Amino acid sequence: MFAAFILACGTTHFLEIWVLWHPEYGVQGLMKALTAAISLATAVALWRLVPQALALPTPAQFQRVTDQLHAETEQRTWRSTGRAAPRKPIARSSTV
């Protein structure tokens, strides 16, 4: 729908130039009306999609899940070989 809107806008701009030499104002008016209708339909469709777009996970959320999955995969790999998983060192704060 967005592509149709862009195409209709481009056609309207073309007709603006065309009408300078060929007085076809009816065609120009119909194209502007069509562009307006497509614009309105696109705006309504986008209005309905905004809540869904805002509900999408952020890159940070994806990274957190990816890290958890990598850790779980690593643990399962170590368990399947019968060895204990290596422990990560605990970060120590340098307080004086």
N, C-alpha and C. Protein backbone atom coordinates (compact mmCIF):
# COMPACT_ATOMS: atom_id res chain seq x y z
N MET A 1 0.83 -1.18 0.00
CA MET A 1 0.00 0.00 0.00
C MET A 1 0.88 1.25 0.00
N PHE A 2 1.99 1.18 0.75
CA PHE A 2 2.88 2.33 0.79
C PHE A 2 3.50 2.57 -0.57
N ALA A 3 3.82 1.50 -1.29
CA ALA A 3 4.39 1.63 -2.64
C ALA A 3 3.39 2.29 -3.58
N ALA A 4 2.12 1.93 -3.45
CA ALA A 4 1.08 2.55 -4.28
C ALA A 4 0.98 4.04 -3.98
N PHE A 5 1.11 4.40 -2.72
CA PHE A 5 1.07 5.81 -2.34
C PHE A 5 2.24 6.57 -2.96
N ILE A 6 3.44 6.02 -2.91
CA ILE A 6 4.62 6.67 -3.49
C ILE A 6 4.45 6.81 -5.00
N LEU A 7 3.97 5.74 -5.64
CA LEU A 7 3.74 5.78 -7.09
C LEU A 7 2.70 6.84 -7.45
N ALA A 8 1.63 6.91 -6.68
CA ALA A 8 0.59 7.91 -6.95
C ALA A 8 1.12 9.33 -6.76
N CYS A 9 1.96 9.53 -5.76
CA CYS A 9 2.56 10.86 -5.56
C CYS A 9 3.45 11.24 -6.73
N GLY A 10 4.25 10.30 -7.19
CA GLY A 10 5.12 10.56 -8.33
C GLY A 10 4.32 10.88 -9.58
N THR A 11 3.24 10.14 -9.79
CA THR A 11 2.38 10.40 -10.95
C THR A 11 1.74 11.77 -10.84
N THR A 12 1.34 12.16 -9.65
CA THR A 12 0.77 13.49 -9.45
C THR A 12 1.78 14.56 -9.79
N HIS A 13 3.02 14.39 -9.36
CA HIS A 13 4.07 15.37 -9.69
C HIS A 13 4.31 15.42 -11.20
N PHE A 14 4.31 14.25 -11.83
CA PHE A 14 4.47 14.22 -13.29
C PHE A 14 3.34 14.99 -13.97
N LEU A 15 2.11 14.77 -13.52
CA LEU A 15 0.96 15.45 -14.12
C LEU A 15 1.00 16.96 -13.88
N GLU A 16 1.59 17.39 -12.77
CA GLU A 16 1.74 18.82 -12.52
C GLU A 16 2.57 19.47 -13.63
N ILE A 17 3.61 18.80 -14.05
CA ILE A 17 4.45 19.31 -15.14
C ILE A 17 3.73 19.16 -16.47
N TRP A 18 3.08 18.03 -16.69
CA TRP A 18 2.36 17.75 -17.93
C TRP A 18 1.30 18.81 -18.21
N VAL A 19 0.61 19.23 -17.18
CA VAL A 19 -0.50 20.18 -17.33
C VAL A 19 0.01 21.57 -17.77
N LEU A 20 1.28 21.85 -17.58
CA LEU A 20 1.81 23.13 -18.05
C LEU A 20 1.69 23.27 -19.56
N TRP A 21 1.80 22.16 -20.30
CA TRP A 21 1.74 22.20 -21.76
C TRP A 21 0.46 21.60 -22.33
N HIS A 22 -0.17 20.71 -21.59
CA HIS A 22 -1.41 20.06 -22.05
C HIS A 22 -2.48 20.26 -20.97
N PRO A 23 -3.46 21.08 -21.24
CA PRO A 23 -4.45 21.40 -20.20
C PRO A 23 -5.44 20.25 -19.94
N GLU A 24 -4.96 19.22 -19.29
CA GLU A 24 -5.80 18.07 -18.94
C GLU A 24 -6.05 18.10 -17.44
N TYR A 25 -6.82 19.07 -17.02
CA TYR A 25 -7.05 19.30 -15.59
C TYR A 25 -7.92 18.22 -14.95
N GLY A 26 -8.77 17.61 -15.74
CA GLY A 26 -9.61 16.53 -15.20
C GLY A 26 -8.78 15.34 -14.79
N VAL A 27 -7.82 14.97 -15.65
CA VAL A 27 -6.93 13.85 -15.32
C VAL A 27 -6.11 14.19 -14.08
N GLN A 28 -5.63 15.44 -14.03
CA GLN A 28 -4.85 15.87 -12.88
C GLN A 28 -5.68 15.81 -11.60
N GLY A 29 -6.92 16.26 -11.66
CA GLY A 29 -7.80 16.23 -10.49
C GLY A 29 -8.11 14.82 -10.04
N LEU A 30 -8.37 13.92 -11.00
CA LEU A 30 -8.65 12.53 -10.65
C LEU A 30 -7.42 11.87 -10.01
N MET A 31 -6.25 12.19 -10.53
CA MET A 31 -5.02 11.61 -9.95
C MET A 31 -4.80 12.13 -8.54
N LYS A 32 -5.08 13.41 -8.32
CA LYS A 32 -4.94 13.95 -6.96
C LYS A 32 -5.95 13.31 -6.01
N ALA A 33 -7.17 13.06 -6.48
CA ALA A 33 -8.18 12.41 -5.65
C ALA A 33 -7.77 10.97 -5.33
N LEU A 34 -7.24 10.27 -6.34
CA LEU A 34 -6.77 8.91 -6.12
C LEU A 34 -5.62 8.89 -5.12
N THR A 35 -4.70 9.84 -5.26
CA THR A 35 -3.57 9.93 -4.33
C THR A 35 -4.07 10.19 -2.91
N ALA A 36 -5.05 11.05 -2.78
CA ALA A 36 -5.61 11.35 -1.46
C ALA A 36 -6.26 10.11 -0.85
N ALA A 37 -6.98 9.34 -1.66
CA ALA A 37 -7.64 8.13 -1.15
C ALA A 37 -6.60 7.10 -0.70
N ILE A 38 -5.56 6.91 -1.52
CA ILE A 38 -4.51 5.96 -1.16
C ILE A 38 -3.78 6.44 0.09
N SER A 39 -3.55 7.74 0.20
CA SER A 39 -2.89 8.31 1.37
C SER A 39 -3.72 8.06 2.63
N LEU A 40 -5.00 8.26 2.54
CA LEU A 40 -5.88 8.04 3.69
C LEU A 40 -5.88 6.56 4.10
N ALA A 41 -5.97 5.67 3.11
CA ALA A 41 -5.97 4.23 3.42
C ALA A 41 -4.63 3.81 4.04
N THR A 42 -3.54 4.36 3.55
CA THR A 42 -2.23 4.05 4.11
C THR A 42 -2.12 4.54 5.55
N ALA A 43 -2.62 5.75 5.80
CA ALA A 43 -2.57 6.30 7.16
C ALA A 43 -3.38 5.44 8.13
N VAL A 44 -4.54 4.98 7.71
CA VAL A 44 -5.37 4.13 8.58
C VAL A 44 -4.67 2.80 8.85
N ALA A 45 -4.07 2.22 7.80
CA ALA A 45 -3.36 0.95 7.98
C ALA A 45 -2.17 1.12 8.92
N LEU A 46 -1.43 2.20 8.76
CA LEU A 46 -0.28 2.43 9.64
C LEU A 46 -0.74 2.69 11.07
N TRP A 47 -1.84 3.38 11.24
CA TRP A 47 -2.36 3.67 12.58
C TRP A 47 -2.66 2.36 13.32
N ARG A 48 -3.18 1.39 12.59
CA ARG A 48 -3.49 0.09 13.21
C ARG A 48 -2.22 -0.71 13.50
N LEU A 49 -1.15 -0.49 12.74
CA LEU A 49 0.08 -1.26 12.91
C LEU A 49 1.02 -0.69 13.98
N VAL A 50 0.82 0.54 14.38
CA VAL A 50 1.72 1.17 15.35
C VAL A 50 1.78 0.39 16.67
N PRO A 51 0.68 -0.03 17.28
CA PRO A 51 0.79 -0.80 18.53
C PRO A 51 1.58 -2.10 18.36
N GLN A 52 1.40 -2.76 17.21
CA GLN A 52 2.15 -4.00 16.96
C GLN A 52 3.64 -3.70 16.82
N ALA A 53 3.96 -2.62 16.16
CA ALA A 53 5.38 -2.26 15.98
C ALA A 53 6.01 -1.91 17.32
N LEU A 54 5.27 -1.23 18.18
CA LEU A 54 5.80 -0.86 19.49
C LEU A 54 5.96 -2.08 20.41
N ALA A 55 5.23 -3.14 20.14
CA ALA A 55 5.31 -4.35 20.96
C ALA A 55 6.46 -5.26 20.56
N LEU A 56 7.13 -4.97 19.46
CA LEU A 56 8.26 -5.80 19.03
C LEU A 56 9.40 -5.70 20.04
N PRO A 57 10.13 -6.80 20.24
CA PRO A 57 11.25 -6.77 21.19
C PRO A 57 12.36 -5.84 20.70
N THR A 58 13.05 -5.27 21.66
CA THR A 58 14.17 -4.38 21.35
C THR A 58 15.42 -5.21 21.06
N PRO A 59 16.42 -4.64 20.43
CA PRO A 59 17.67 -5.38 20.21
C PRO A 59 18.30 -5.86 21.51
N ALA A 60 18.19 -5.09 22.57
CA ALA A 60 18.74 -5.51 23.87
C ALA A 60 18.03 -6.76 24.39
N GLN A 61 16.71 -6.82 24.19
CA GLN A 61 15.97 -8.01 24.62
C GLN A 61 16.39 -9.23 23.80
N PHE A 62 16.57 -9.05 22.51
CA PHE A 62 17.05 -10.15 21.67
C PHE A 62 18.43 -10.61 22.12
N GLN A 63 19.30 -9.68 22.44
CA GLN A 63 20.65 -10.04 22.86
C GLN A 63 20.63 -10.82 24.17
N ARG A 64 19.77 -10.40 25.11
CA ARG A 64 19.66 -11.08 26.39
C ARG A 64 19.19 -12.53 26.18
N VAL A 65 18.21 -12.74 25.34
CA VAL A 65 17.71 -14.09 25.08
C VAL A 65 18.77 -14.92 24.36
N THR A 66 19.48 -14.30 23.42
CA THR A 66 20.55 -15.00 22.71
C THR A 66 21.64 -15.44 23.67
N ASP A 67 22.03 -14.57 24.59
CA ASP A 67 23.05 -14.92 25.58
C ASP A 67 22.58 -16.08 26.47
N GLN A 68 21.31 -16.04 26.88
CA GLN A 68 20.78 -17.13 27.70
C GLN A 68 20.79 -18.45 26.95
N LEU A 69 20.42 -18.40 25.67
CA LEU A 69 20.41 -19.62 24.87
C LEU A 69 21.82 -20.17 24.66
N HIS A 70 22.78 -19.28 24.45
CA HIS A 70 24.17 -19.74 24.30
C HIS A 70 24.67 -20.39 25.59
N ALA A 71 24.34 -19.79 26.73
CA ALA A 71 24.77 -20.36 28.01
C ALA A 71 24.12 -21.73 28.23
N GLU A 72 22.85 -21.84 27.91
CA GLU A 72 22.15 -23.11 28.08
C GLU A 72 22.73 -24.17 27.13
N THR A 73 23.03 -23.78 25.91
CA THR A 73 23.63 -24.73 24.95
C THR A 73 24.98 -25.20 25.43
N GLU A 74 25.77 -24.28 25.98
CA GLU A 74 27.08 -24.64 26.50
C GLU A 74 26.96 -25.62 27.66
N GLN A 75 26.02 -25.37 28.58
CA GLN A 75 25.83 -26.28 29.72
C GLN A 75 25.39 -27.66 29.25
N ARG A 76 24.48 -27.71 28.29
CA ARG A 76 24.00 -29.01 27.80
C ARG A 76 25.12 -29.77 27.09
N THR A 77 25.97 -29.04 26.39
CA THR A 77 27.09 -29.70 25.71
C THR A 77 28.04 -30.31 26.73
N TRP A 78 28.34 -29.57 27.79
CA TRP A 78 29.24 -30.09 28.83
C TRP A 78 28.60 -31.28 29.55
N ARG A 79 27.30 -31.20 29.80
CA ARG A 79 26.62 -32.31 30.49
C ARG A 79 26.63 -33.56 29.63
N SER A 80 26.47 -33.41 28.33
CA SER A 80 26.40 -34.58 27.46
C SER A 80 27.76 -35.27 27.34
N THR A 81 28.84 -34.53 27.58
CA THR A 81 30.17 -35.15 27.54
C THR A 81 30.56 -35.73 28.89
N GLY A 82 29.78 -35.49 29.93
CA GLY A 82 30.04 -36.05 31.25
C GLY A 82 31.00 -35.24 32.08
N ARG A 83 31.34 -34.07 31.63
CA ARG A 83 32.26 -33.22 32.40
C ARG A 83 31.49 -32.06 33.00
N ALA A 84 32.07 -31.51 34.03
CA ALA A 84 31.45 -30.34 34.67
C ALA A 84 31.74 -29.11 33.81
N ALA A 85 30.76 -28.24 33.74
CA ALA A 85 30.93 -27.01 32.95
C ALA A 85 31.92 -26.09 33.64
N PRO A 86 32.76 -25.41 32.86
CA PRO A 86 33.70 -24.48 33.49
C PRO A 86 32.94 -23.32 34.11
N ARG A 87 33.41 -22.88 35.25
CA ARG A 87 32.74 -21.78 35.95
C ARG A 87 33.37 -20.45 35.52
N LYS A 88 32.53 -19.50 35.35
CA LYS A 88 33.02 -18.17 34.98
C LYS A 88 33.50 -17.48 36.24
N PRO A 89 34.61 -16.73 36.15
CA PRO A 89 35.09 -16.02 37.35
C PRO A 89 34.10 -14.94 37.76
N ILE A 90 34.00 -14.76 39.06
CA ILE A 90 33.10 -13.74 39.60
C ILE A 90 33.81 -12.38 39.51
N ALA A 91 33.10 -11.43 39.00
CA ALA A 91 33.69 -10.08 38.88
C ALA A 91 33.80 -9.48 40.26
N ARG A 92 34.96 -8.97 40.57
CA ARG A 92 35.19 -8.37 41.89
C ARG A 92 35.26 -6.87 41.77
N SER A 93 34.66 -6.21 42.69
CA SER A 93 34.73 -4.75 42.66
C SER A 93 36.00 -4.29 43.35
N SER A 94 36.55 -3.24 42.84
CA SER A 94 37.81 -2.73 43.43
C SER A 94 37.49 -1.56 44.34
N THR A 95 37.08 -1.89 45.55
CA THR A 95 36.79 -0.84 46.54
C THR A 95 37.98 -0.70 47.47
N VAL A 96 38.35 0.50 47.75
CA VAL A 96 39.50 0.75 48.62
C VAL A 96 39.04 1.27 49.95
